[in-house]
Amino acid sequence: MPSSRPTPRREKKSRAGGIGPARRRFCYFCEENIEEVDFKSHALHRFVSDKGKIRSRRITGTCRRHQNQLGPAIKQARELALLPYANR
C-alpha cells in the first residue's frame, strides 16, 4: 500500500569540489544578440577543444539553435584555414 506522504526531493549535486551550487551556462550568441553564426567570427575558437574537436552544448552552454549553426561554421572556417584542424 503506497504511503500518503510524498517522498522528499533529493538535492542537486554541486560542482566538483563541492564549493557552492553548479553555475548555469548561457548561450554566448544569445547574450551577444548574434542571429547567425558566421564562419568569419573570431569567437569560434572558444567552441573548439585543444584536439580540434567541436565542443558539445553541455560544455559550452550554447542553445540548440546556435549549436546547429556552429558545426557547419567551424567546418567552413577550417576549410578556409581560419581555424586549424588540430592544435599541435
C-alpha atoms as a PDB file:
ATOM      1  CA  MET A   1       0.000   0.000   0.000  1.00  0.00           C
ATOM      2  CA  PRO A   2       1.572   3.346  -1.036  1.00  0.00           C
ATOM      3  CA  SER A   3       2.152   5.876   1.687  1.00  0.00           C
ATOM      4  CA  SER A   4       0.200   9.119   1.674  1.00  0.00           C
ATOM      5  CA  ARG A   5       3.318  11.204   2.339  1.00  0.00           C
ATOM      6  CA  PRO A   6       5.274  12.453  -0.679  1.00  0.00           C
ATOM      7  CA  THR A   7       8.880  11.381  -0.863  1.00  0.00           C
ATOM      8  CA  PRO A   8      11.404  14.146  -0.118  1.00  0.00           C
ATOM      9  CA  ARG A   9      13.255  15.558  -3.102  1.00  0.00           C
ATOM     10  CA  ARG A  10      16.945  14.904  -3.444  1.00  0.00           C
ATOM     11  CA  GLU A  11      19.261  17.880  -3.532  1.00  0.00           C
ATOM     12  CA  LYS A  12      21.098  18.523  -6.771  1.00  0.00           C
ATOM     13  CA  LYS A  13      24.771  17.706  -6.754  1.00  0.00           C
ATOM     14  CA  SER A  14      27.121  20.646  -6.774  1.00  0.00           C
ATOM     15  CA  ARG A  15      30.251  21.168  -8.839  1.00  0.00           C
ATOM     16  CA  ALA A  16      33.367  19.108  -8.402  1.00  0.00           C
ATOM     17  CA  GLY A  17      34.950  20.054  -5.130  1.00  0.00           C
ATOM     18  CA  GLY A  18      31.583  20.763  -3.544  1.00  0.00           C
ATOM     19  CA  ILE A  19      32.024  24.518  -3.313  1.00  0.00           C
ATOM     20  CA  GLY A  20      28.704  26.256  -3.982  1.00  0.00           C
ATOM     21  CA  PRO A  21      25.971  25.379  -6.457  1.00  0.00           C
ATOM     22  CA  ALA A  22      26.605  24.465 -10.098  1.00  0.00           C
ATOM     23  CA  ARG A  23      26.909  27.509 -12.365  1.00  0.00           C
ATOM     24  CA  ARG A  24      24.324  27.935 -15.112  1.00  0.00           C
ATOM     25  CA  ARG A  25      25.854  28.423 -18.554  1.00  0.00           C
ATOM     26  CA  PHE A  26      24.250  30.801 -21.031  1.00  0.00           C
ATOM     27  CA  CYS A  27      24.481  30.872 -24.794  1.00  0.00           C
ATOM     28  CA  TYR A  28      27.248  33.253 -25.891  1.00  0.00           C
ATOM     29  CA  PHE A  29      25.469  34.050 -29.157  1.00  0.00           C
ATOM     30  CA  CYS A  30      22.121  34.815 -27.484  1.00  0.00           C
ATOM     31  CA  GLU A  31      23.815  37.114 -24.963  1.00  0.00           C
ATOM     32  CA  GLU A  32      25.594  38.992 -27.768  1.00  0.00           C
ATOM     33  CA  ASN A  33      22.370  39.142 -29.865  1.00  0.00           C
ATOM     34  CA  ILE A  34      24.010  37.278 -32.752  1.00  0.00           C
ATOM     35  CA  GLU A  35      21.316  35.852 -35.053  1.00  0.00           C
ATOM     36  CA  GLU A  36      23.522  33.803 -37.404  1.00  0.00           C
ATOM     37  CA  VAL A  37      26.831  32.152 -36.527  1.00  0.00           C
ATOM     38  CA  ASP A  38      29.317  33.177 -39.204  1.00  0.00           C
ATOM     39  CA  PHE A  39      32.479  31.286 -40.175  1.00  0.00           C
ATOM     40  CA  LYS A  40      34.384  34.598 -40.065  1.00  0.00           C
ATOM     41  CA  SER A  41      33.615  35.118 -36.364  1.00  0.00           C
ATOM     42  CA  HIS A  42      36.652  35.390 -34.099  1.00  0.00           C
ATOM     43  CA  ALA A  43      34.735  33.676 -31.288  1.00  0.00           C
ATOM     44  CA  LEU A  44      34.727  30.251 -32.977  1.00  0.00           C
ATOM     45  CA  HIS A  45      37.986  29.179 -31.325  1.00  0.00           C
ATOM     46  CA  ARG A  46      36.146  29.153 -27.965  1.00  0.00           C
ATOM     47  CA  PHE A  47      33.998  26.247 -29.175  1.00  0.00           C
ATOM     48  CA  VAL A  48      36.850  24.002 -30.338  1.00  0.00           C
ATOM     49  CA  SER A  49      38.885  21.812 -27.966  1.00  0.00           C
ATOM     50  CA  ASP A  50      42.680  21.584 -27.880  1.00  0.00           C
ATOM     51  CA  LYS A  51      42.497  18.495 -30.048  1.00  0.00           C
ATOM     52  CA  GLY A  52      40.359  20.316 -32.625  1.00  0.00           C
ATOM     53  CA  LYS A  53      37.012  18.730 -31.752  1.00  0.00           C
ATOM     54  CA  ILE A  54      33.819  20.769 -31.653  1.00  0.00           C
ATOM     55  CA  ARG A  55      32.727  21.086 -28.024  1.00  0.00           C
ATOM     56  CA  SER A  56      29.231  19.943 -27.077  1.00  0.00           C
ATOM     57  CA  ARG A  57      26.341  22.087 -25.888  1.00  0.00           C
ATOM     58  CA  ARG A  58      26.716  20.632 -22.420  1.00  0.00           C
ATOM     59  CA  ILE A  59      30.266  22.006 -22.182  1.00  0.00           C
ATOM     60  CA  THR A  60      29.859  25.372 -23.947  1.00  0.00           C
ATOM     61  CA  GLY A  61      26.313  26.223 -22.891  1.00  0.00           C
ATOM     62  CA  THR A  62      25.157  27.230 -26.357  1.00  0.00           C
ATOM     63  CA  CYS A  63      21.492  26.829 -27.196  1.00  0.00           C
ATOM     64  CA  ARG A  64      20.298  24.203 -29.679  1.00  0.00           C
ATOM     65  CA  ARG A  65      19.752  26.719 -32.479  1.00  0.00           C
ATOM     66  CA  HIS A  66      23.226  28.219 -32.300  1.00  0.00           C
ATOM     67  CA  GLN A  67      24.924  24.848 -31.751  1.00  0.00           C
ATOM     68  CA  ASN A  68      23.358  23.628 -35.005  1.00  0.00           C
ATOM     69  CA  GLN A  69      24.787  26.687 -36.790  1.00  0.00           C
ATOM     70  CA  LEU A  70      28.135  26.351 -35.036  1.00  0.00           C
ATOM     71  CA  GLY A  71      29.130  22.974 -36.537  1.00  0.00           C
ATOM     72  CA  PRO A  72      28.983  23.968 -40.218  1.00  0.00           C
ATOM     73  CA  ALA A  73      30.556  27.362 -39.429  1.00  0.00           C
ATOM     74  CA  ILE A  74      33.553  25.708 -37.744  1.00  0.00           C
ATOM     75  CA  LYS A  75      33.904  23.225 -40.596  1.00  0.00           C
ATOM     76  CA  GLN A  76      33.830  26.037 -43.159  1.00  0.00           C
ATOM     77  CA  ALA A  77      36.382  28.046 -41.171  1.00  0.00           C
ATOM     78  CA  ARG A  78      38.677  25.006 -41.096  1.00  0.00           C
ATOM     79  CA  GLU A  79      38.329  24.573 -44.851  1.00  0.00           C
ATOM     80  CA  LEU A  80      39.332  28.203 -45.408  1.00  0.00           C
ATOM     81  CA  ALA A  81      42.246  27.867 -42.947  1.00  0.00           C
ATOM     82  CA  LEU A  82      40.728  30.349 -40.493  1.00  0.00           C
ATOM     83  CA  LEU A  83      40.750  27.621 -37.827  1.00  0.00           C
ATOM     84  CA  PRO A  84      43.216  24.746 -37.540  1.00  0.00           C
ATOM     85  CA  TYR A  85      42.005  21.155 -37.821  1.00  0.00           C
ATOM     86  CA  ALA A  86      44.097  20.285 -34.766  1.00  0.00           C
ATOM     87  CA  ASN A  87      46.150  22.450 -32.424  1.00  0.00           C
ATOM     88  CA  ARG A  88      49.509  20.747 -32.073  1.00  0.00           C
END
